[in-house]
Amino acid sequence: MYKCKMIWGLIAVACLAVNAGAAPVSFWAALQQQVRGSAAVRQDTGMGRLTFMRYYFPKNTVYAQPGTWEKLVETFDSSSEVRAVAFYLYQMYVSQAAYGGAVPGRLDVNYLGALDNFEMLNTPFDARSASGIYEKHKKEIKTQLARFFATQKKLPAYPAQSAQTDQQERAFLRALAASADANGRAGYFWAAPRWKNTLSAQDKKWLGQILHTGQAEASQKVVLYKTPKADLSALDKTSGRYSGGGMEYLYRPADKECDACSYVVARALREQMRKQKNVNWGHLRLYRLTARPLKGGTLQPARGSRFARPEGGFYPAWDYHAAVLVIMNRDGRYTPAVLDTFLSAEPMAFSAWLAQFKAANTRLTATPFKRLEEIETAITRPDKREGPNCIKNGCTYKPYPVHP
């Protein structure tokens, strides 16, 4: 009797062992295995994950800024927002599979690229609303996720009907909401970079030429501003607001305005890409970076109280700062570099650029570069100059004041 029980016990254990061996590997475990097993990810986890991510190749098309009607239509048509949420979830699946461990409490610079589709929307997206969109449009989002994974042949098939993926996706959306500012725009926080690659001498020289070309072009142009002109005679004492007073025409030299200068430099790089058609650009990515203070006030440098000029001296306080990020790709080797004439006369490693800012006080948005008609019109060459003023289309623009 004892032997019989023992035999049946051995058979049961054997059956369990067979069943355990035959148990399918979970989607999440298979995804981590595929992503982390990639040579690109093993070499450089932070940048290597881009091999599997979806991206926008920078085009040379000049897009018209959407008008009021287009913005209203996009607001009522939620399909673009639904797709953006699906894109975000896919990018986070790939990123987190590369990094391993728990889902982050909020996004940092190592998750660069996860927010690209939100940044490409024509209307500002409130990241805090993403969870509601997910719950309302879950079936459609999961259908799109299945399609995204199917197009990346190296990755496992996405199981749309899975409580585990639901749980994972809700965690990703909580990280997104925690990364939003007071207006709902998501961004990246400072952290130690997980990428290792550095610029080659060849790429540094080439990007240096682009940087100087863009700066030279910007020095010949100005940024035009039209702002409501304060006029005490037009003060509505009931509301405390100005009811009129006309417009004030102001300008700044484009090479002295970081946002305009970074746009011109990014455009110069895109023009060079257009000319060099024989070059395989691979998954090159081009972003306009904007660093903003985390809790209001002005940006804080990592050291001292003001940012230093490359040629010596210090800048006035910055409310924000803009630059260009280029992620080079040579034979699957991704290397991030920043073009920022305000902080360096030469291309900088992205990690070195991040180190210029006080980490606890800074937040970053990275917008895939897109040429916009509205910006191109504002950055222009003056028709002529009269003393400190410039004339454009018959209007006299005065210098825009810069706070000391």
Protein backbone atom coordinates (compact mmCIF):
# COMPACT_ATOMS: atom_id res chain seq x y z
CA MET A 1 0.00 0.00 0.00
CA TYR A 2 2.82 2.39 0.89
CA LYS A 3 4.62 1.58 -2.37
CA CYS A 4 1.43 2.25 -4.33
CA LYS A 5 0.96 5.63 -2.69
CA MET A 6 4.61 6.46 -3.39
CA ILE A 7 4.27 5.49 -7.06
CA TRP A 8 1.16 7.65 -7.48
CA GLY A 9 2.95 10.48 -5.72
CA LEU A 10 5.89 10.21 -8.13
CA ILE A 11 3.49 10.19 -11.09
CA ALA A 12 1.76 13.31 -9.75
CA VAL A 13 5.09 15.12 -9.29
CA ALA A 14 6.15 14.06 -12.78
CA CYS A 15 2.89 15.39 -14.22
CA LEU A 16 3.35 18.68 -12.41
CA ALA A 17 6.90 18.90 -13.71
CA VAL A 18 5.72 18.27 -17.28
CA ASN A 19 2.97 20.84 -16.92
CA ALA A 20 5.39 23.37 -15.41
CA GLY A 21 7.79 22.82 -18.26
CA ALA A 22 5.02 23.23 -20.79
CA ALA A 23 3.62 26.38 -19.16
CA PRO A 24 3.78 29.29 -21.60
CA VAL A 25 6.20 32.10 -20.80
CA SER A 26 4.27 35.26 -19.92
CA PHE A 27 4.21 38.11 -22.41
CA TRP A 28 6.06 40.38 -19.99
CA ALA A 29 8.82 37.82 -19.34
CA ALA A 30 9.17 37.10 -23.07
CA LEU A 31 9.33 40.82 -23.85
CA GLN A 32 12.08 41.40 -21.28
CA GLN A 33 14.00 38.41 -22.62
CA GLN A 34 13.84 39.66 -26.22
CA VAL A 35 14.65 43.30 -25.48
CA ARG A 36 17.38 42.73 -22.91
CA GLY A 37 18.88 40.01 -25.07
CA SER A 38 19.48 42.51 -27.90
CA ALA A 39 23.14 43.33 -28.56
CA ALA A 40 22.25 47.05 -28.82
CA VAL A 41 20.56 47.01 -25.41
CA ARG A 42 23.39 45.04 -23.79
CA GLN A 43 25.91 47.55 -25.11
CA ASP A 44 23.97 50.68 -24.11
CA THR A 45 20.68 50.12 -22.28
CA GLY A 46 19.40 53.71 -22.40
CA MET A 47 19.95 54.33 -26.11
CA GLY A 48 19.83 50.70 -27.30
CA ARG A 49 16.15 50.46 -26.42
CA LEU A 50 15.47 52.90 -29.29
CA THR A 51 16.08 49.97 -31.65
CA PHE A 52 12.66 48.62 -30.73
CA MET A 53 10.80 51.91 -30.28
CA ARG A 54 8.63 53.70 -32.81
CA TYR A 55 9.88 57.09 -33.96
CA TYR A 56 9.30 60.06 -36.26
CA PHE A 57 11.88 60.73 -38.92
CA PRO A 58 12.35 64.54 -39.14
CA LYS A 59 10.85 65.86 -42.39
CA ASN A 60 11.61 69.08 -44.24
CA THR A 61 7.93 69.96 -44.78
CA VAL A 62 6.79 73.32 -43.41
CA TYR A 63 3.47 72.73 -41.65
CA ALA A 64 0.81 75.41 -41.26
CA GLN A 65 -0.15 76.01 -37.66
CA PRO A 66 -3.66 74.60 -37.10
CA GLY A 67 -6.34 77.27 -36.97
CA THR A 68 -9.17 77.58 -34.48
CA TRP A 69 -11.45 75.26 -36.44
CA GLU A 70 -8.78 72.54 -36.78
CA LYS A 71 -8.12 72.70 -33.06
CA LEU A 72 -11.82 72.38 -32.30
CA VAL A 73 -12.19 69.40 -34.65
CA GLU A 74 -9.19 67.64 -33.09
CA THR A 75 -10.58 68.30 -29.63
CA PHE A 76 -13.89 66.62 -30.53
CA ASP A 77 -12.25 63.81 -32.51
CA SER A 78 -10.50 61.71 -29.88
CA SER A 79 -8.87 59.25 -32.33
CA SER A 80 -5.51 61.06 -32.33
CA GLU A 81 -5.43 61.14 -28.53
CA VAL A 82 -6.37 57.45 -28.35
CA ARG A 83 -3.53 56.62 -30.74
CA ALA A 84 -1.12 58.78 -28.69
CA VAL A 85 -2.00 56.83 -25.53
CA ALA A 86 -1.40 53.54 -27.37
CA PHE A 87 1.98 54.84 -28.64
CA TYR A 88 2.97 55.86 -25.13
CA LEU A 89 2.10 52.46 -23.68
CA TYR A 90 4.10 50.69 -26.39
CA GLN A 91 7.15 52.90 -25.80
CA MET A 92 6.90 52.25 -22.06
CA TYR A 93 6.63 48.49 -22.56
CA VAL A 94 9.87 48.52 -24.55
CA SER A 95 11.67 50.92 -22.20
CA GLN A 96 10.70 49.09 -19.04
CA ALA A 97 11.59 45.74 -20.58
CA ALA A 98 15.08 47.14 -21.23
CA TYR A 99 15.48 48.57 -17.75
CA GLY A 100 13.75 45.85 -15.72
CA GLY A 101 12.48 46.39 -12.21
CA ALA A 102 9.36 48.22 -11.08
CA VAL A 103 7.50 50.77 -13.17
CA PRO A 104 8.90 54.24 -12.37
CA GLY A 105 6.95 56.61 -10.15
CA ARG A 106 7.45 59.31 -12.80
CA LEU A 107 9.32 59.64 -16.08
CA ASP A 108 12.93 60.80 -16.16
CA VAL A 109 15.33 61.60 -19.02
CA ASN A 110 16.11 57.91 -19.48
CA TYR A 111 12.58 57.46 -20.87
CA LEU A 112 13.22 59.97 -23.66
CA GLY A 113 10.96 59.17 -26.62
CA ALA A 114 8.03 57.85 -24.57
CA LEU A 115 6.13 61.16 -24.92
CA ASP A 116 6.81 61.77 -28.62
CA ASN A 117 3.28 61.15 -29.85
CA PHE A 118 1.73 63.45 -27.25
CA GLU A 119 4.16 66.19 -28.32
CA MET A 120 3.16 65.73 -31.98
CA LEU A 121 -0.55 66.41 -31.35
CA ASN A 122 -1.92 69.68 -32.74
CA THR A 123 -3.56 70.55 -29.43
CA PRO A 124 -1.98 70.38 -25.96
CA PHE A 125 -2.62 67.06 -24.26
CA ASP A 126 -3.44 66.83 -20.56
CA ALA A 127 -1.50 63.77 -19.37
CA ARG A 128 -3.77 63.48 -16.36
CA SER A 129 -6.66 62.55 -18.67
CA ALA A 130 -4.84 59.56 -20.24
CA SER A 131 -6.19 57.05 -17.71
CA GLY A 132 -9.76 58.07 -18.52
CA ILE A 133 -9.09 57.74 -22.25
CA TYR A 134 -7.60 54.29 -21.64
CA GLU A 135 -10.59 53.01 -19.69
CA LYS A 136 -13.05 54.43 -22.24
CA HIS A 137 -11.20 53.23 -25.35
CA LYS A 138 -9.37 50.18 -24.01
CA LYS A 139 -10.43 47.85 -26.83
CA GLU A 140 -9.20 50.24 -29.53
CA ILE A 141 -5.96 50.96 -27.67
CA LYS A 142 -5.23 47.26 -27.27
CA THR A 143 -5.95 46.65 -30.95
CA GLN A 144 -3.37 49.30 -31.82
CA LEU A 145 -0.87 47.86 -29.33
CA ALA A 146 -1.25 44.43 -30.94
CA ARG A 147 -0.53 46.05 -34.32
CA PHE A 148 2.56 47.89 -33.01
CA PHE A 149 4.03 44.69 -31.58
CA ALA A 150 3.19 42.72 -34.73
CA THR A 151 5.21 45.14 -36.90
CA GLN A 152 8.29 44.60 -34.70
CA LYS A 153 9.11 41.01 -35.65
CA LYS A 154 11.70 40.59 -32.89
CA LEU A 155 9.11 41.09 -30.16
CA PRO A 156 6.48 38.62 -28.84
CA ALA A 157 2.82 38.92 -29.81
CA TYR A 158 0.81 41.22 -27.56
CA PRO A 159 -1.99 39.49 -25.61
CA ALA A 160 -4.88 41.95 -25.75
CA GLN A 161 -7.06 39.87 -23.40
CA SER A 162 -4.89 39.79 -20.31
CA ALA A 163 -5.43 41.08 -16.79
CA GLN A 164 -1.65 41.27 -16.39
CA THR A 165 -1.28 43.71 -19.28
CA ASP A 166 -4.17 45.78 -17.90
CA GLN A 167 -2.33 46.07 -14.60
CA GLN A 168 0.95 46.96 -16.31
CA GLU A 169 -0.69 49.60 -18.50
CA ARG A 170 -2.45 51.28 -15.60
CA ALA A 171 0.91 51.53 -13.82
CA PHE A 172 2.43 53.18 -16.91
CA LEU A 173 -0.44 55.67 -16.96
CA ARG A 174 0.06 56.51 -13.28
CA ALA A 175 3.70 57.31 -14.07
CA LEU A 176 2.50 59.57 -16.89
CA ALA A 177 0.07 61.48 -14.66
CA ALA A 178 2.80 61.92 -12.01
CA SER A 179 5.03 63.49 -14.69
CA ALA A 180 2.58 66.29 -15.57
CA ASP A 181 2.94 69.94 -14.60
CA ALA A 182 0.13 72.20 -13.34
CA ASN A 183 -1.19 72.51 -16.92
CA GLY A 184 -1.17 68.76 -17.50
CA ARG A 185 1.81 68.68 -19.87
CA ALA A 186 4.05 65.69 -19.19
CA GLY A 187 7.81 66.03 -19.09
CA TYR A 188 11.01 64.34 -17.99
CA PHE A 189 12.83 64.78 -14.69
CA TRP A 190 16.56 64.76 -14.13
CA ALA A 191 18.31 61.44 -13.35
CA ALA A 192 21.69 59.80 -13.91
CA PRO A 193 21.76 58.90 -17.65
CA ARG A 194 21.81 55.21 -18.52
CA TRP A 195 23.61 55.70 -21.83
CA LYS A 196 27.34 55.29 -22.42
CA ASN A 197 28.12 56.14 -26.04
CA THR A 198 30.11 59.30 -26.73
CA LEU A 199 30.42 61.31 -29.94
CA SER A 200 33.10 60.26 -32.39
CA ALA A 201 35.53 62.91 -33.61
CA GLN A 202 33.87 62.68 -37.06
CA ASP A 203 30.37 63.30 -35.73
CA LYS A 204 31.52 66.04 -33.37
CA LYS A 205 33.17 67.88 -36.28
CA TRP A 206 30.11 67.51 -38.50
CA LEU A 207 27.67 68.64 -35.81
CA GLY A 208 30.01 71.53 -34.95
CA GLN A 209 29.75 72.75 -38.53
CA ILE A 210 25.94 72.53 -38.35
CA LEU A 211 25.95 74.45 -35.06
CA HIS A 212 28.07 77.28 -36.48
CA THR A 213 26.03 77.39 -39.72
CA GLY A 214 22.80 77.75 -37.76
CA GLN A 215 24.27 80.37 -35.45
CA ALA A 216 25.56 82.39 -38.41
CA GLU A 217 22.12 82.28 -40.02
CA ALA A 218 20.40 83.27 -36.77
CA SER A 219 22.73 86.26 -36.37
CA GLN A 220 21.30 87.72 -39.59
CA LYS A 221 17.70 87.40 -38.46
CA VAL A 222 15.35 88.64 -35.77
CA VAL A 223 12.32 87.25 -33.95
CA LEU A 224 9.25 89.46 -34.32
CA TYR A 225 6.72 89.84 -31.51
CA LYS A 226 3.36 91.58 -31.44
CA THR A 227 2.01 92.15 -27.95
CA PRO A 228 -0.97 94.13 -26.62
CA LYS A 229 0.19 97.62 -25.75
CA ALA A 230 -0.77 98.82 -22.29
CA ASP A 231 -2.68 102.10 -22.43
CA LEU A 232 -4.11 103.62 -19.23
CA SER A 233 -6.78 105.42 -21.22
CA ALA A 234 -8.15 102.04 -22.29
CA LEU A 235 -8.38 100.65 -18.75
CA ASP A 236 -11.80 99.23 -17.94
CA LYS A 237 -12.14 100.13 -14.26
CA THR A 238 -14.94 97.61 -13.76
CA SER A 239 -12.98 94.56 -14.90
CA GLY A 240 -9.50 95.92 -14.20
CA ARG A 241 -8.42 94.97 -17.73
CA TYR A 242 -7.34 96.92 -20.78
CA SER A 243 -10.06 97.01 -23.42
CA GLY A 244 -7.77 98.34 -26.13
CA GLY A 245 -4.58 100.26 -26.64
CA GLY A 246 -3.34 98.74 -29.91
CA MET A 247 -0.28 96.57 -30.43
CA GLU A 248 3.37 96.96 -29.51
CA TYR A 249 5.91 95.74 -32.09
CA LEU A 250 9.06 94.28 -30.56
CA TYR A 251 12.00 92.17 -31.74
CA ARG A 252 15.02 90.28 -30.51
CA PRO A 253 18.05 89.14 -32.52
CA ALA A 254 17.41 85.47 -33.30
CA ASP A 255 20.88 84.40 -32.12
CA LYS A 256 20.18 85.99 -28.72
CA GLU A 257 16.88 84.15 -28.22
CA CYS A 258 17.50 80.49 -27.30
CA ASP A 259 14.17 79.20 -28.61
CA ALA A 260 14.61 80.88 -32.01
CA CYS A 261 18.29 79.99 -32.28
CA SER A 262 17.63 76.32 -31.48
CA TYR A 263 14.92 76.24 -34.15
CA VAL A 264 17.29 77.69 -36.78
CA VAL A 265 20.04 75.23 -35.81
CA ALA A 266 17.62 72.26 -36.02
CA ARG A 267 16.44 73.50 -39.41
CA ALA A 268 20.05 73.81 -40.61
CA LEU A 269 20.66 70.18 -39.63
CA ARG A 270 17.51 69.06 -41.43
CA GLU A 271 18.58 70.98 -44.55
CA GLN A 272 21.96 69.23 -44.44
CA MET A 273 20.20 65.88 -44.23
CA ARG A 274 18.19 66.79 -47.33
CA LYS A 275 21.36 67.62 -49.26
CA GLN A 276 23.24 64.48 -48.24
CA LYS A 277 20.87 61.98 -49.79
CA ASN A 278 23.58 59.32 -50.07
CA VAL A 279 23.90 59.09 -46.27
CA ASN A 280 21.97 56.37 -44.43
CA TRP A 281 20.46 58.34 -41.56
CA GLY A 282 18.96 55.28 -39.90
CA HIS A 283 16.86 56.13 -36.88
CA LEU A 284 18.30 59.61 -36.40
CA ARG A 285 16.12 61.63 -34.04
CA LEU A 286 15.96 65.38 -33.77
CA TYR A 287 14.37 67.16 -30.80
CA ARG A 288 13.91 70.69 -29.54
CA LEU A 289 14.61 70.59 -25.82
CA THR A 290 13.06 73.02 -23.34
CA ALA A 291 14.17 73.10 -19.71
CA ARG A 292 11.82 74.81 -17.27
CA PRO A 293 11.92 75.43 -13.52
CA LEU A 294 10.02 72.79 -11.59
CA LYS A 295 8.33 75.08 -9.09
CA GLY A 296 8.13 78.47 -10.79
CA GLY A 297 10.74 81.21 -10.59
CA THR A 298 13.81 80.94 -12.80
CA LEU A 299 16.07 78.10 -13.89
CA GLN A 300 18.89 77.28 -11.50
CA PRO A 301 22.36 76.23 -12.68
CA ALA A 302 24.06 73.26 -11.04
CA ARG A 303 26.71 75.62 -9.67
CA GLY A 304 26.45 79.29 -8.76
CA SER A 305 23.43 81.53 -9.21
CA ARG A 306 23.58 82.28 -12.97
CA PHE A 307 24.47 80.40 -16.13
CA ALA A 308 27.92 81.18 -17.56
CA ARG A 309 28.56 82.31 -21.13
CA PRO A 310 31.08 80.22 -23.13
CA GLU A 311 33.00 83.44 -23.92
CA GLY A 312 33.01 84.53 -20.27
CA GLY A 313 30.60 86.40 -18.02
CA PHE A 314 27.07 85.44 -17.01
CA TYR A 315 23.57 85.54 -18.50
CA PRO A 316 20.54 87.29 -17.02
CA ALA A 317 18.18 84.95 -15.15
CA TRP A 318 16.42 82.46 -17.43
CA ASP A 319 12.69 81.74 -17.22
CA TYR A 320 13.36 78.74 -19.50
CA HIS A 321 16.08 77.49 -21.84
CA ALA A 322 15.92 75.78 -25.24
CA ALA A 323 18.45 73.70 -27.19
CA VAL A 324 18.65 71.00 -29.88
CA LEU A 325 19.09 67.30 -29.18
CA VAL A 326 20.39 65.06 -31.96
CA ILE A 327 20.47 61.31 -31.47
CA MET A 328 22.97 59.99 -34.01
CA ASN A 329 22.81 56.41 -35.24
CA ARG A 330 25.86 54.78 -36.73
CA ASP A 331 25.35 51.06 -37.42
CA GLY A 332 22.89 50.72 -34.56
CA ARG A 333 25.07 52.69 -32.14
CA TYR A 334 22.93 55.52 -30.77
CA THR A 335 24.67 58.63 -29.44
CA PRO A 336 22.85 61.69 -28.03
CA ALA A 337 24.42 65.14 -28.48
CA VAL A 338 23.16 68.65 -27.71
CA LEU A 339 23.68 71.75 -29.85
CA ASP A 340 23.45 74.79 -27.60
CA THR A 341 25.44 77.90 -28.52
CA PHE A 342 24.45 79.55 -25.23
CA LEU A 343 26.25 76.97 -23.08
CA SER A 344 28.99 75.70 -25.38
CA ALA A 345 30.66 76.73 -28.64
CA GLU A 346 30.87 73.03 -29.57
CA PRO A 347 28.46 70.06 -29.52
CA MET A 348 27.97 68.65 -26.01
CA ALA A 349 27.26 65.16 -24.74
CA PHE A 350 23.63 65.07 -23.57
CA SER A 351 24.79 64.01 -20.10
CA ALA A 352 27.14 67.03 -19.94
CA TRP A 353 24.28 69.35 -20.95
CA LEU A 354 22.01 67.91 -18.26
CA ALA A 355 24.77 68.46 -15.71
CA GLN A 356 24.55 72.24 -16.28
CA PHE A 357 21.16 72.42 -14.51
CA LYS A 358 20.16 71.98 -10.90
CA ALA A 359 18.49 68.57 -10.97
CA ALA A 360 15.95 69.14 -8.21
CA ASN A 361 14.64 72.30 -9.85
CA THR A 362 14.42 71.35 -13.54
CA ARG A 363 11.97 69.61 -15.83
CA LEU A 364 12.44 68.83 -19.52
CA THR A 365 10.18 68.64 -22.55
CA ALA A 366 11.55 67.11 -25.75
CA THR A 367 9.52 67.89 -28.86
CA PRO A 368 10.30 66.03 -32.11
CA PHE A 369 11.47 68.73 -34.52
CA LYS A 370 8.80 69.93 -36.91
CA ARG A 371 9.06 72.96 -39.19
CA LEU A 372 6.14 75.32 -38.54
CA GLU A 373 4.96 78.17 -40.75
CA GLU A 374 4.18 80.39 -37.75
CA ILE A 375 7.74 80.14 -36.38
CA GLU A 376 9.37 80.52 -39.81
CA THR A 377 7.38 83.72 -40.36
CA ALA A 378 8.36 85.11 -36.95
CA ILE A 379 12.08 84.41 -37.50
CA THR A 380 12.94 86.63 -40.43
CA ARG A 381 15.49 89.00 -41.92
CA PRO A 382 14.55 92.67 -41.39
CA ASP A 383 13.75 94.77 -44.45
CA LYS A 384 16.06 97.46 -43.03
CA ARG A 385 17.33 98.92 -39.76
CA GLU A 386 16.93 102.38 -38.29
CA GLY A 387 19.21 102.82 -35.31
CA PRO A 388 18.25 100.23 -32.68
CA ASN A 389 14.93 99.53 -34.45
CA CYS A 390 14.17 97.26 -37.40
CA ILE A 391 11.56 97.67 -40.14
CA LYS A 392 9.52 94.77 -41.51
CA ASN A 393 6.58 95.15 -43.91
CA GLY A 394 6.27 98.83 -43.01
CA CYS A 395 6.10 98.23 -39.24
CA THR A 396 8.75 99.53 -36.87
CA TYR A 397 9.87 96.97 -34.29
CA LYS A 398 11.67 98.11 -31.15
CA PRO A 399 14.19 96.02 -29.18
CA TYR A 400 12.51 93.56 -26.80
CA PRO A 401 13.71 94.30 -23.26
CA VAL A 402 15.89 91.69 -21.57
CA HIS A 403 15.86 91.54 -17.78
CA PRO A 404 19.36 92.01 -16.29
